[in-house]
């Protein structure tokens, strides 16, 4: 799929709605994950933000998923899996990883 195709897919309202619901499902699951999970603080912070304002995260998550090959033809299972896969990227680098010697 070309970059133009990925962009066009990311603007599809039906796909955006599906991704929005997948991010809400992930936010609920992440809010109750084990606090020892890597990047937990950033992950739960993003989960709270998504839960409070899902509309604000619909386009950024959809764009990220389409850049990873998700399309409007992807199954709900594929969309949910890709949301889980990109959550850490969207949440940001763990605070302990920032500083001298950190390699992005």
PDB file of N, CA and C in Angstrom:
ATOM      1  N   UNK A   1       0.856  -1.177   0.000  1.00  0.00           N
ATOM      2  CA  UNK A   1       0.000   0.000   0.000  1.00  0.00           C
ATOM      3  C   UNK A   1       0.899   1.237   0.000  1.00  0.00           C
ATOM      4  N   UNK A   2       0.596   2.197  -0.840  1.00  0.00           N
ATOM      5  CA  UNK A   2       1.401   3.416  -0.930  1.00  0.00           C
ATOM      6  C   UNK A   2       1.102   4.339   0.254  1.00  0.00           C
ATOM      7  N   UNK A   3       1.974   5.290   0.463  1.00  0.00           N
ATOM      8  CA  UNK A   3       1.743   6.274   1.516  1.00  0.00           C
ATOM      9  C   UNK A   3       0.444   7.029   1.279  1.00  0.00           C
ATOM     10  N   UNK A   4       0.156   7.342   0.023  1.00  0.00           N
ATOM     11  CA  UNK A   4      -1.099   8.031  -0.295  1.00  0.00           C
ATOM     12  C   UNK A   4      -2.287   7.163   0.076  1.00  0.00           C
ATOM     13  N   UNK A   5      -2.201   5.869  -0.223  1.00  0.00           N
ATOM     14  CA  UNK A   5      -3.281   4.950   0.146  1.00  0.00           C
ATOM     15  C   UNK A   5      -3.450   4.880   1.661  1.00  0.00           C
ATOM     16  N   UNK A   6      -2.332   4.840   2.379  1.00  0.00           N
ATOM     17  CA  UNK A   6      -2.400   4.812   3.849  1.00  0.00           C
ATOM     18  C   UNK A   6      -3.094   6.066   4.374  1.00  0.00           C
ATOM     19  N   UNK A   7      -2.735   7.217   3.797  1.00  0.00           N
ATOM     20  CA  UNK A   7      -3.368   8.468   4.223  1.00  0.00           C
ATOM     21  C   UNK A   7      -4.870   8.448   3.952  1.00  0.00           C
ATOM     22  N   UNK A   8      -5.245   8.045   2.752  1.00  0.00           N
ATOM     23  CA  UNK A   8      -6.668   8.002   2.399  1.00  0.00           C
ATOM     24  C   UNK A   8      -7.423   7.085   3.360  1.00  0.00           C
ATOM     25  N   UNK A   9      -6.853   5.923   3.654  1.00  0.00           N
ATOM     26  CA  UNK A   9      -7.486   5.003   4.607  1.00  0.00           C
ATOM     27  C   UNK A   9      -7.652   5.674   5.971  1.00  0.00           C
ATOM     28  N   UNK A  10      -6.651   6.444   6.384  1.00  0.00           N
ATOM     29  CA  UNK A  10      -6.708   7.065   7.714  1.00  0.00           C
ATOM     30  C   UNK A  10      -7.798   8.116   7.833  1.00  0.00           C
ATOM     31  N   UNK A  11      -8.331   8.574   6.712  1.00  0.00           N
ATOM     32  CA  UNK A  11      -9.403   9.583   6.746  1.00  0.00           C
ATOM     33  C   UNK A  11     -10.794   8.974   6.580  1.00  0.00           C
ATOM     34  N   UNK A  12     -10.874   7.653   6.520  1.00  0.00           N
ATOM     35  CA  UNK A  12     -12.150   6.971   6.350  1.00  0.00           C
ATOM     36  C   UNK A  12     -12.926   6.987   7.674  1.00  0.00           C
ATOM     37  N   UNK A  13     -14.090   7.650   7.716  1.00  0.00           N
ATOM     38  CA  UNK A  13     -14.829   7.771   8.974  1.00  0.00           C
ATOM     39  C   UNK A  13     -15.176   6.427   9.634  1.00  0.00           C
ATOM     40  N   UNK A  14     -15.566   5.446   8.850  1.00  0.00           N
ATOM     41  CA  UNK A  14     -15.929   4.152   9.446  1.00  0.00           C
ATOM     42  C   UNK A  14     -14.725   3.505  10.122  1.00  0.00           C
ATOM     43  N   UNK A  15     -13.550   3.605   9.499  1.00  0.00           N
ATOM     44  CA  UNK A  15     -12.343   3.049  10.104  1.00  0.00           C
ATOM     45  C   UNK A  15     -11.971   3.843  11.351  1.00  0.00           C
ATOM     46  N   UNK A  16     -12.070   5.142  11.285  1.00  0.00           N
ATOM     47  CA  UNK A  16     -11.779   5.969  12.457  1.00  0.00           C
ATOM     48  C   UNK A  16     -12.663   5.573  13.642  1.00  0.00           C
ATOM     49  N   UNK A  17     -13.932   5.317  13.389  1.00  0.00           N
ATOM     50  CA  UNK A  17     -14.856   4.914  14.459  1.00  0.00           C
ATOM     51  C   UNK A  17     -14.446   3.582  15.063  1.00  0.00           C
ATOM     52  N   UNK A  18     -14.057   2.648  14.225  1.00  0.00           N
ATOM     53  CA  UNK A  18     -13.619   1.333  14.715  1.00  0.00           C
ATOM     54  C   UNK A  18     -12.348   1.458  15.542  1.00  0.00           C
ATOM     55  N   UNK A  19     -11.418   2.263  15.079  1.00  0.00           N
ATOM     56  CA  UNK A  19     -10.173   2.474  15.828  1.00  0.00           C
ATOM     57  C   UNK A  19     -10.476   3.160  17.156  1.00  0.00           C
ATOM     58  N   UNK A  20     -11.367   4.118  17.142  1.00  0.00           N
ATOM     59  CA  UNK A  20     -11.740   4.801  18.395  1.00  0.00           C
ATOM     60  C   UNK A  20     -12.265   3.795  19.416  1.00  0.00           C
ATOM     61  N   UNK A  21     -13.117   2.893  18.995  1.00  0.00           N
ATOM     62  CA  UNK A  21     -13.650   1.893  19.926  1.00  0.00           C
ATOM     63  C   UNK A  21     -12.553   0.942  20.392  1.00  0.00           C
ATOM     64  N   UNK A  22     -11.630   0.596  19.507  1.00  0.00           N
ATOM     65  CA  UNK A  22     -10.513  -0.269  19.892  1.00  0.00           C
ATOM     66  C   UNK A  22      -9.622   0.421  20.918  1.00  0.00           C
ATOM     67  N   UNK A  23      -9.407   1.730  20.776  1.00  0.00           N
ATOM     68  CA  UNK A  23      -8.583   2.442  21.756  1.00  0.00           C
ATOM     69  C   UNK A  23      -9.291   2.513  23.103  1.00  0.00           C
ATOM     70  N   UNK A  24     -10.606   2.646  23.093  1.00  0.00           N
ATOM     71  CA  UNK A  24     -11.350   2.644  24.360  1.00  0.00           C
ATOM     72  C   UNK A  24     -11.282   1.283  25.032  1.00  0.00           C
ATOM     73  N   UNK A  25     -11.391   0.221  24.249  1.00  0.00           N
ATOM     74  CA  UNK A  25     -11.252  -1.130  24.813  1.00  0.00           C
ATOM     75  C   UNK A  25      -9.866  -1.313  25.413  1.00  0.00           C
ATOM     76  N   UNK A  26      -8.846  -0.862  24.712  1.00  0.00           N
ATOM     77  CA  UNK A  26      -7.475  -0.978  25.209  1.00  0.00           C
ATOM     78  C   UNK A  26      -7.281  -0.128  26.456  1.00  0.00           C
ATOM     79  N   UNK A  27      -7.845   1.067  26.460  1.00  0.00           N
ATOM     80  CA  UNK A  27      -7.711   1.951  27.624  1.00  0.00           C
ATOM     81  C   UNK A  27      -8.264   1.282  28.879  1.00  0.00           C
ATOM     82  N   UNK A  28      -9.394   0.624  28.754  1.00  0.00           N
ATOM     83  CA  UNK A  28      -9.979  -0.069  29.908  1.00  0.00           C
ATOM     84  C   UNK A  28      -9.068  -1.197  30.378  1.00  0.00           C
ATOM     85  N   UNK A  29      -8.569  -1.982  29.451  1.00  0.00           N
ATOM     86  CA  UNK A  29      -7.695  -3.099  29.819  1.00  0.00           C
ATOM     87  C   UNK A  29      -6.396  -2.591  30.453  1.00  0.00           C
ATOM     88  N   UNK A  30      -5.828  -1.556  29.896  1.00  0.00           N
ATOM     89  CA  UNK A  30      -4.551  -1.028  30.388  1.00  0.00           C
ATOM     90  C   UNK A  30      -4.716  -0.380  31.754  1.00  0.00           C
ATOM     91  N   UNK A  31      -5.874   0.197  32.007  1.00  0.00           N
ATOM     92  CA  UNK A  31      -6.085   0.855  33.305  1.00  0.00           C
ATOM     93  C   UNK A  31      -6.062  -0.136  34.462  1.00  0.00           C
ATOM     94  N   UNK A  32      -6.228  -1.417  34.166  1.00  0.00           N
ATOM     95  CA  UNK A  32      -6.213  -2.428  35.229  1.00  0.00           C
ATOM     96  C   UNK A  32      -5.035  -3.387  35.110  1.00  0.00           C
ATOM     97  N   UNK A  33      -4.039  -3.044  34.280  1.00  0.00           N
ATOM     98  CA  UNK A  33      -2.895  -3.932  34.122  1.00  0.00           C
ATOM     99  C   UNK A  33      -1.997  -3.890  35.361  1.00  0.00           C
ATOM    100  N   UNK A  34      -1.134  -4.863  35.448  1.00  0.00           N
ATOM    101  CA  UNK A  34      -0.180  -4.966  36.547  1.00  0.00           C
ATOM    102  C   UNK A  34       0.713  -3.727  36.572  1.00  0.00           C
ATOM    103  N   UNK A  35       0.819  -3.065  37.730  1.00  0.00           N
ATOM    104  CA  UNK A  35       1.673  -1.877  37.823  1.00  0.00           C
ATOM    105  C   UNK A  35       3.143  -2.143  37.491  1.00  0.00           C
ATOM    106  N   UNK A  36       3.570  -3.388  37.490  1.00  0.00           N
ATOM    107  CA  UNK A  36       4.952  -3.725  37.149  1.00  0.00           C
ATOM    108  C   UNK A  36       5.172  -3.789  35.634  1.00  0.00           C
ATOM    109  N   UNK A  37       4.117  -3.615  34.857  1.00  0.00           N
ATOM    110  CA  UNK A  37       4.235  -3.634  33.396  1.00  0.00           C
ATOM    111  C   UNK A  37       5.186  -2.529  32.938  1.00  0.00           C
ATOM    112  N   UNK A  38       6.078  -2.857  32.019  1.00  0.00           N
ATOM    113  CA  UNK A  38       6.990  -1.844  31.471  1.00  0.00           C
ATOM    114  C   UNK A  38       6.200  -0.647  30.959  1.00  0.00           C
ATOM    115  N   UNK A  39       6.699   0.550  31.259  1.00  0.00           N
ATOM    116  CA  UNK A  39       6.095   1.804  30.791  1.00  0.00           C
ATOM    117  C   UNK A  39       4.692   2.028  31.365  1.00  0.00           C
ATOM    118  N   UNK A  40       4.402   1.413  32.502  1.00  0.00           N
ATOM    119  CA  UNK A  40       3.054   1.463  33.096  1.00  0.00           C
ATOM    120  C   UNK A  40       2.548   2.894  33.307  1.00  0.00           C
ATOM    121  N   UNK A  41       3.377   3.759  33.834  1.00  0.00           N
ATOM    122  CA  UNK A  41       2.932   5.126  34.123  1.00  0.00           C
ATOM    123  C   UNK A  41       2.452   5.833  32.853  1.00  0.00           C
ATOM    124  N   UNK A  42       3.247   5.767  31.806  1.00  0.00           N
ATOM    125  CA  UNK A  42       2.850   6.410  30.545  1.00  0.00           C
ATOM    126  C   UNK A  42       1.653   5.708  29.919  1.00  0.00           C
ATOM    127  N   UNK A  43       1.628   4.389  30.008  1.00  0.00           N
ATOM    128  CA  UNK A  43       0.528   3.615  29.423  1.00  0.00           C
ATOM    129  C   UNK A  43      -0.800   3.967  30.088  1.00  0.00           C
ATOM    130  N   UNK A  44      -0.804   4.034  31.422  1.00  0.00           N
ATOM    131  CA  UNK A  44      -2.056   4.345  32.121  1.00  0.00           C
ATOM    132  C   UNK A  44      -2.439   5.810  31.962  1.00  0.00           C
ATOM    133  N   UNK A  45      -1.443   6.676  31.857  1.00  0.00           N
ATOM    134  CA  UNK A  45      -1.747   8.089  31.605  1.00  0.00           C
ATOM    135  C   UNK A  45      -2.469   8.241  30.265  1.00  0.00           C
ATOM    136  N   UNK A  46      -1.952   7.573  29.235  1.00  0.00           N
ATOM    137  CA  UNK A  46      -2.613   7.616  27.932  1.00  0.00           C
ATOM    138  C   UNK A  46      -4.001   6.984  28.015  1.00  0.00           C
ATOM    139  N   UNK A  47      -4.129   5.891  28.743  1.00  0.00           N
ATOM    140  CA  UNK A  47      -5.438   5.237  28.887  1.00  0.00           C
ATOM    141  C   UNK A  47      -6.461   6.191  29.495  1.00  0.00           C
ATOM    142  N   UNK A  48      -6.054   6.943  30.500  1.00  0.00           N
ATOM    143  CA  UNK A  48      -6.969   7.906  31.128  1.00  0.00           C
ATOM    144  C   UNK A  48      -7.334   9.020  30.161  1.00  0.00           C
ATOM    145  N   UNK A  49      -6.362   9.484  29.400  1.00  0.00           N
ATOM    146  CA  UNK A  49      -6.638  10.541  28.425  1.00  0.00           C
ATOM    147  C   UNK A  49      -7.603  10.057  27.351  1.00  0.00           C
ATOM    148  N   UNK A  50      -7.385   8.855  26.861  1.00  0.00           N
ATOM    149  CA  UNK A  50      -8.265   8.282  25.831  1.00  0.00           C
ATOM    150  C   UNK A  50      -9.676   8.109  26.388  1.00  0.00           C
ATOM    151  N   UNK A  51      -9.776   7.626  27.621  1.00  0.00           N
ATOM    152  CA  UNK A  51     -11.088   7.401  28.226  1.00  0.00           C
ATOM    153  C   UNK A  51     -11.863   8.714  28.385  1.00  0.00           C
ATOM    154  N   UNK A  52     -11.156   9.772  28.731  1.00  0.00           N
ATOM    155  CA  UNK A  52     -11.820  11.070  28.942  1.00  0.00           C
ATOM    156  C   UNK A  52     -12.124  11.796  27.639  1.00  0.00           C
ATOM    157  N   UNK A  53     -11.336  11.543  26.611  1.00  0.00           N
ATOM    158  CA  UNK A  53     -11.477  12.301  25.373  1.00  0.00           C
ATOM    159  C   UNK A  53     -11.169  11.437  24.149  1.00  0.00           C
ATOM    160  N   UNK A  54     -11.978  10.407  23.914  1.00  0.00           N
ATOM    161  CA  UNK A  54     -11.672   9.483  22.811  1.00  0.00           C
ATOM    162  C   UNK A  54     -11.628  10.157  21.440  1.00  0.00           C
ATOM    163  N   UNK A  55     -12.416  11.169  21.257  1.00  0.00           N
ATOM    164  CA  UNK A  55     -12.459  11.861  19.965  1.00  0.00           C
ATOM    165  C   UNK A  55     -11.099  12.484  19.629  1.00  0.00           C
ATOM    166  N   UNK A  56     -10.384  12.952  20.631  1.00  0.00           N
ATOM    167  CA  UNK A  56      -9.084  13.600  20.416  1.00  0.00           C
ATOM    168  C   UNK A  56      -8.017  12.617  19.952  1.00  0.00           C
ATOM    169  N   UNK A  57      -8.215  11.330  20.231  1.00  0.00           N
ATOM    170  CA  UNK A  57      -7.207  10.328  19.890  1.00  0.00           C
ATOM    171  C   UNK A  57      -7.575   9.489  18.672  1.00  0.00           C
ATOM    172  N   UNK A  58      -8.773   9.690  18.174  1.00  0.00           N
ATOM    173  CA  UNK A  58      -9.252   8.897  17.036  1.00  0.00           C
ATOM    174  C   UNK A  58      -8.332   9.039  15.820  1.00  0.00           C
ATOM    175  N   UNK A  59      -8.046  10.255  15.411  1.00  0.00           N
ATOM    176  CA  UNK A  59      -7.224  10.466  14.213  1.00  0.00           C
ATOM    177  C   UNK A  59      -5.771  10.063  14.432  1.00  0.00           C
ATOM    178  N   UNK A  60      -5.138  10.437  15.541  1.00  0.00           N
ATOM    179  CA  UNK A  60      -3.737  10.012  15.705  1.00  0.00           C
ATOM    180  C   UNK A  60      -3.563   8.489  15.713  1.00  0.00           C
ATOM    181  N   UNK A  61      -4.456   7.777  16.393  1.00  0.00           N
ATOM    182  CA  UNK A  61      -4.340   6.320  16.407  1.00  0.00           C
ATOM    183  C   UNK A  61      -4.644   5.741  15.025  1.00  0.00           C
ATOM    184  N   UNK A  62      -5.642   6.270  14.346  1.00  0.00           N
ATOM    185  CA  UNK A  62      -5.979   5.755  13.019  1.00  0.00           C
ATOM    186  C   UNK A  62      -4.809   5.956  12.055  1.00  0.00           C
ATOM    187  N   UNK A  63      -4.197   7.115  12.104  1.00  0.00           N
ATOM    188  CA  UNK A  63      -3.039   7.369  11.236  1.00  0.00           C
ATOM    189  C   UNK A  63      -1.914   6.392  11.539  1.00  0.00           C
ATOM    190  N   UNK A  64      -1.642   6.166  12.828  1.00  0.00           N
ATOM    191  CA  UNK A  64      -0.571   5.245  13.207  1.00  0.00           C
ATOM    192  C   UNK A  64      -0.894   3.825  12.726  1.00  0.00           C
ATOM    193  N   UNK A  65      -2.134   3.394  12.903  1.00  0.00           N
ATOM    194  CA  UNK A  65      -2.510   2.052  12.481  1.00  0.00           C
ATOM    195  C   UNK A  65      -2.427   1.897  10.966  1.00  0.00           C
ATOM    196  N   UNK A  66      -2.876   2.904  10.230  1.00  0.00           N
ATOM    197  CA  UNK A  66      -2.801   2.822   8.770  1.00  0.00           C
ATOM    198  C   UNK A  66      -1.352   2.803   8.298  1.00  0.00           C
ATOM    199  N   UNK A  67      -0.476   3.496   9.002  1.00  0.00           N
ATOM    200  CA  UNK A  67       0.943   3.459   8.659  1.00  0.00           C
ATOM    201  C   UNK A  67       1.536   2.066   8.890  1.00  0.00           C
ATOM    202  N   UNK A  68       0.842   1.263   9.680  1.00  0.00           N
ATOM    203  CA  UNK A  68       1.283  -0.103   9.951  1.00  0.00           C
ATOM    204  C   UNK A  68       0.531  -1.124   9.099  1.00  0.00           C
ATOM    205  N   UNK A  69      -0.286  -0.652   8.157  1.00  0.00           N
ATOM    206  CA  UNK A  69      -0.946  -1.551   7.223  1.00  0.00           C
ATOM    207  C   UNK A  69      -2.414  -1.842   7.488  1.00  0.00           C
ATOM    208  N   UNK A  70      -2.978  -1.263   8.545  1.00  0.00           N
ATOM    209  CA  UNK A  70      -4.404  -1.467   8.809  1.00  0.00           C
ATOM    210  C   UNK A  70      -5.206  -0.705   7.760  1.00  0.00           C
ATOM    211  N   UNK A  71      -6.285  -1.319   7.285  1.00  0.00           N
ATOM    212  CA  UNK A  71      -7.180  -0.689   6.312  1.00  0.00           C
ATOM    213  C   UNK A  71      -8.616  -0.874   6.778  1.00  0.00           C
ATOM    214  N   UNK A  72      -9.526  -0.288   6.037  1.00  0.00           N
ATOM    215  CA  UNK A  72     -10.944  -0.452   6.361  1.00  0.00           C
ATOM    216  C   UNK A  72     -11.396  -1.899   6.164  1.00  0.00           C
ATOM    217  N   UNK A  73     -10.583  -2.688   5.475  1.00  0.00           N
ATOM    218  CA  UNK A  73     -10.891  -4.107   5.275  1.00  0.00           C
ATOM    219  C   UNK A  73     -10.333  -4.990   6.397  1.00  0.00           C
ATOM    220  N   UNK A  74      -9.543  -4.416   7.297  1.00  0.00           N
ATOM    221  CA  UNK A  74      -8.966  -5.184   8.404  1.00  0.00           C
ATOM    222  C   UNK A  74     -10.071  -5.619   9.365  1.00  0.00           C
ATOM    223  N   UNK A  75      -9.862  -6.756   9.986  1.00  0.00           N
ATOM    224  CA  UNK A  75     -10.846  -7.265  10.951  1.00  0.00           C
ATOM    225  C   UNK A  75     -10.726  -6.511  12.275  1.00  0.00           C
ATOM    226  N   UNK A  76     -11.748  -6.627  13.098  1.00  0.00           N
ATOM    227  CA  UNK A  76     -11.703  -6.030  14.430  1.00  0.00           C
ATOM    228  C   UNK A  76     -10.550  -6.617  15.242  1.00  0.00           C
ATOM    229  N   UNK A  77     -10.305  -7.899  15.084  1.00  0.00           N
ATOM    230  CA  UNK A  77      -9.196  -8.552  15.790  1.00  0.00           C
ATOM    231  C   UNK A  77      -7.869  -7.911  15.383  1.00  0.00           C
ATOM    232  N   UNK A  78      -7.686  -7.671  14.092  1.00  0.00           N
ATOM    233  CA  UNK A  78      -6.448  -7.044  13.608  1.00  0.00           C
ATOM    234  C   UNK A  78      -6.303  -5.618  14.134  1.00  0.00           C
ATOM    235  N   UNK A  79      -7.400  -4.889  14.155  1.00  0.00           N
ATOM    236  CA  UNK A  79      -7.365  -3.502  14.656  1.00  0.00           C
ATOM    237  C   UNK A  79      -7.032  -3.498  16.145  1.00  0.00           C
ATOM    238  N   UNK A  80      -7.700  -4.347  16.922  1.00  0.00           N
ATOM    239  CA  UNK A  80      -7.411  -4.417  18.360  1.00  0.00           C
ATOM    240  C   UNK A  80      -5.961  -4.791  18.614  1.00  0.00           C
ATOM    241  N   UNK A  81      -5.449  -5.745  17.861  1.00  0.00           N
ATOM    242  CA  UNK A  81      -4.056  -6.174  18.036  1.00  0.00           C
ATOM    243  C   UNK A  81      -3.084  -5.050  17.698  1.00  0.00           C
ATOM    244  N   UNK A  82      -3.377  -4.291  16.651  1.00  0.00           N
ATOM    245  CA  UNK A  82      -2.466  -3.217  16.270  1.00  0.00           C
ATOM    246  C   UNK A  82      -2.533  -2.057  17.271  1.00  0.00           C
ATOM    247  N   UNK A  83      -3.709  -1.777  17.824  1.00  0.00           N
ATOM    248  CA  UNK A  83      -3.793  -0.753  18.877  1.00  0.00           C
ATOM    249  C   UNK A  83      -2.896  -1.161  20.042  1.00  0.00           C
ATOM    250  N   UNK A  84      -2.980  -2.417  20.445  1.00  0.00           N
ATOM    251  CA  UNK A  84      -2.125  -2.909  21.535  1.00  0.00           C
ATOM    252  C   UNK A  84      -0.649  -2.789  21.149  1.00  0.00           C
ATOM    253  N   UNK A  85      -0.339  -3.069  19.900  1.00  0.00           N
ATOM    254  CA  UNK A  85       1.045  -3.039  19.428  1.00  0.00           C
ATOM    255  C   UNK A  85       1.640  -1.632  19.435  1.00  0.00           C
ATOM    256  N   UNK A  86       0.848  -0.622  19.128  1.00  0.00           N
ATOM    257  CA  UNK A  86       1.375   0.744  19.047  1.00  0.00           C
ATOM    258  C   UNK A  86       1.163   1.554  20.326  1.00  0.00           C
ATOM    259  N   UNK A  87       0.530   0.969  21.338  1.00  0.00           N
ATOM    260  CA  UNK A  87       0.185   1.740  22.545  1.00  0.00           C
ATOM    261  C   UNK A  87       1.418   2.378  23.180  1.00  0.00           C
ATOM    262  N   UNK A  88       2.508   1.635  23.324  1.00  0.00           N
ATOM    263  CA  UNK A  88       3.704   2.212  23.942  1.00  0.00           C
ATOM    264  C   UNK A  88       4.270   3.361  23.123  1.00  0.00           C
ATOM    265  N   UNK A  89       4.229   3.245  21.819  1.00  0.00           N
ATOM    266  CA  UNK A  89       4.693   4.338  20.967  1.00  0.00           C
ATOM    267  C   UNK A  89       3.846   5.573  21.201  1.00  0.00           C
ATOM    268  N   UNK A  90       2.544   5.399  21.254  1.00  0.00           N
ATOM    269  CA  UNK A  90       1.645   6.524  21.461  1.00  0.00           C
ATOM    270  C   UNK A  90       1.770   7.093  22.878  1.00  0.00           C
ATOM    271  N   UNK A  91       2.101   6.238  23.843  1.00  0.00           N
ATOM    272  CA  UNK A  91       2.203   6.672  25.241  1.00  0.00           C
ATOM    273  C   UNK A  91       3.498   7.413  25.529  1.00  0.00           C
ATOM    274  N   UNK A  92       4.537   7.118  24.764  1.00  0.00           N
ATOM    275  CA  UNK A  92       5.819   7.780  24.985  1.00  0.00           C
ATOM    276  C   UNK A  92       6.814   6.896  25.708  1.00  0.00           C
ATOM    277  N   UNK A  93       8.028   7.397  25.767  1.00  0.00           N
ATOM    278  CA  UNK A  93       9.144   6.674  26.370  1.00  0.00           C
ATOM    279  C   UNK A  93       8.999   6.682  27.887  1.00  0.00           C
ATOM    280  N   UNK A  94       9.292   5.559  28.533  1.00  0.00           N
ATOM    281  CA  UNK A  94       9.242   5.531  29.996  1.00  0.00           C
ATOM    282  C   UNK A  94      10.173   6.590  30.582  1.00  0.00           C
ATOM    283  N   UNK A  95       9.761   7.265  31.665  1.00  0.00           N
ATOM    284  CA  UNK A  95      10.594   8.322  32.249  1.00  0.00           C
ATOM    285  C   UNK A  95      12.023   7.873  32.554  1.00  0.00           C
ATOM    286  N   UNK A  96      12.215   6.641  33.009  1.00  0.00           N
ATOM    287  CA  UNK A  96      13.552   6.154  33.353  1.00  0.00           C
ATOM    288  C   UNK A  96      14.442   6.012  32.127  1.00  0.00           C
ATOM    289  N   UNK A  97      13.847   5.959  30.942  1.00  0.00           N
ATOM    290  CA  UNK A  97      14.627   5.766  29.716  1.00  0.00           C
ATOM    291  C   UNK A  97      15.124   7.093  29.138  1.00  0.00           C
ATOM    292  N   UNK A  98      14.685   8.205  29.696  1.00  0.00           N
ATOM    293  CA  UNK A  98      15.076   9.504  29.184  1.00  0.00           C
ATOM    294  C   UNK A  98      16.288   9.989  29.958  1.00  0.00           C
ATOM    295  N   UNK A  99      17.253  10.495  29.262  1.00  0.00           N
ATOM    296  CA  UNK A  99      18.418  11.037  29.940  1.00  0.00           C
ATOM    297  C   UNK A  99      19.706  10.598  29.269  1.00  0.00           C
ATOM    298  N   UNK A 100      20.821  10.852  29.959  1.00  0.00           N
ATOM    299  CA  UNK A 100      22.120  10.503  29.368  1.00  0.00           C
ATOM    300  C   UNK A 100      22.193   9.037  28.995  1.00  0.00           C
ATOM    301  N   UNK A 101      22.738   8.786  27.845  1.00  0.00           N
ATOM    302  CA  UNK A 101      22.931   7.412  27.409  1.00  0.00           C
ATOM    303  C   UNK A 101      21.712   6.775  26.770  1.00  0.00           C
ATOM    304  N   UNK A 102      20.576   7.466  26.766  1.00  0.00           N
ATOM    305  CA  UNK A 102      19.356   6.892  26.152  1.00  0.00           C
ATOM    306  C   UNK A 102      19.512   6.876  24.647  1.00  0.00           C
ATOM    307  N   UNK A 103      19.219   5.735  24.065  1.00  0.00           N
ATOM    308  CA  UNK A 103      19.244   5.596  22.617  1.00  0.00           C
ATOM    309  C   UNK A 103      17.821   5.463  22.115  1.00  0.00           C
ATOM    310  N   UNK A 104      17.345   6.401  21.299  1.00  0.00           N
ATOM    311  CA  UNK A 104      15.969   6.319  20.788  1.00  0.00           C
ATOM    312  C   UNK A 104      15.772   5.137  19.871  1.00  0.00           C
TER     313      UNK A 104
END
